[in-house]
Amino acid sequence: MSFDENIAALIQHIPKIVDHLQTMVATKTALVMFFIAAQSTSTIYQ
């Protein structure tokens, strides 16, 4: 998947999990780590 596709997947994923994010650590794990993974994956394949 390209970086753009990974970000689109993240955008679709957010509404499903936003009500369950209770702490800063949960938010980081669910959103930021997903973003970092999307960036890393797209960089590796370029």
C-alpha atoms as a PDB file:
ATOM      1  CA  MET A   1       0.000   0.000   0.000  1.00  0.00           C
ATOM      2  CA  SER A   2       1.151   3.526  -0.676  1.00  0.00           C
ATOM      3  CA  PHE A   3       1.374   6.179   2.021  1.00  0.00           C
ATOM      4  CA  ASP A   4      -1.832   7.789   0.717  1.00  0.00           C
ATOM      5  CA  GLU A   5      -3.685   4.473   0.899  1.00  0.00           C
ATOM      6  CA  ASN A   6      -2.456   3.887   4.444  1.00  0.00           C
ATOM      7  CA  ILE A   7      -3.621   7.336   5.534  1.00  0.00           C
ATOM      8  CA  ALA A   8      -7.009   6.753   3.891  1.00  0.00           C
ATOM      9  CA  ALA A   9      -7.288   3.513   5.864  1.00  0.00           C
ATOM     10  CA  LEU A  10      -6.424   5.405   9.064  1.00  0.00           C
ATOM     11  CA  ILE A  11      -9.101   8.002   8.334  1.00  0.00           C
ATOM     12  CA  GLN A  12     -11.695   5.249   7.927  1.00  0.00           C
ATOM     13  CA  HIS A  13     -10.474   3.542  11.124  1.00  0.00           C
ATOM     14  CA  ILE A  14     -10.736   6.615  13.400  1.00  0.00           C
ATOM     15  CA  PRO A  15     -14.562   6.784  13.739  1.00  0.00           C
ATOM     16  CA  LYS A  16     -14.601   3.129  14.822  1.00  0.00           C
ATOM     17  CA  ILE A  17     -12.170   3.650  17.699  1.00  0.00           C
ATOM     18  CA  VAL A  18     -12.549   7.276  18.803  1.00  0.00           C
ATOM     19  CA  ASP A  19     -15.062   6.482  21.559  1.00  0.00           C
ATOM     20  CA  HIS A  20     -12.715   3.879  23.027  1.00  0.00           C
ATOM     21  CA  LEU A  21      -9.650   6.114  23.334  1.00  0.00           C
ATOM     22  CA  GLN A  22      -9.573   6.896  27.044  1.00  0.00           C
ATOM     23  CA  THR A  23      -5.935   7.840  27.623  1.00  0.00           C
ATOM     24  CA  MET A  24      -3.052   9.506  25.850  1.00  0.00           C
ATOM     25  CA  VAL A  25      -1.254   6.161  25.610  1.00  0.00           C
ATOM     26  CA  ALA A  26      -4.269   4.535  23.963  1.00  0.00           C
ATOM     27  CA  THR A  27      -4.489   7.406  21.492  1.00  0.00           C
ATOM     28  CA  LYS A  28      -0.792   7.160  20.679  1.00  0.00           C
ATOM     29  CA  THR A  29      -0.967   3.430  20.206  1.00  0.00           C
ATOM     30  CA  ALA A  30      -4.092   3.527  18.043  1.00  0.00           C
ATOM     31  CA  LEU A  31      -3.351   6.562  15.884  1.00  0.00           C
ATOM     32  CA  VAL A  32       0.246   7.727  16.011  1.00  0.00           C
ATOM     33  CA  MET A  33       1.783   4.269  15.763  1.00  0.00           C
ATOM     34  CA  PHE A  34      -0.503   3.498  12.813  1.00  0.00           C
ATOM     35  CA  PHE A  35       0.694   6.715  11.138  1.00  0.00           C
ATOM     36  CA  ILE A  36       4.355   5.855  11.771  1.00  0.00           C
ATOM     37  CA  ALA A  37       3.814   2.380  10.354  1.00  0.00           C
ATOM     38  CA  ALA A  38       2.162   3.881   7.263  1.00  0.00           C
ATOM     39  CA  GLN A  39       5.117   6.224   6.774  1.00  0.00           C
ATOM     40  CA  SER A  40       7.680   3.476   7.308  1.00  0.00           C
ATOM     41  CA  THR A  41       5.979   1.081   4.916  1.00  0.00           C
ATOM     42  CA  SER A  42       5.699   3.624   2.118  1.00  0.00           C
ATOM     43  CA  THR A  43       9.339   4.697   2.577  1.00  0.00           C
ATOM     44  CA  ILE A  44      10.640   1.131   2.427  1.00  0.00           C
ATOM     45  CA  TYR A  45       9.005   0.419  -0.911  1.00  0.00           C
ATOM     46  CA  GLN A  46      10.112   3.584  -2.706  1.00  0.00           C
END
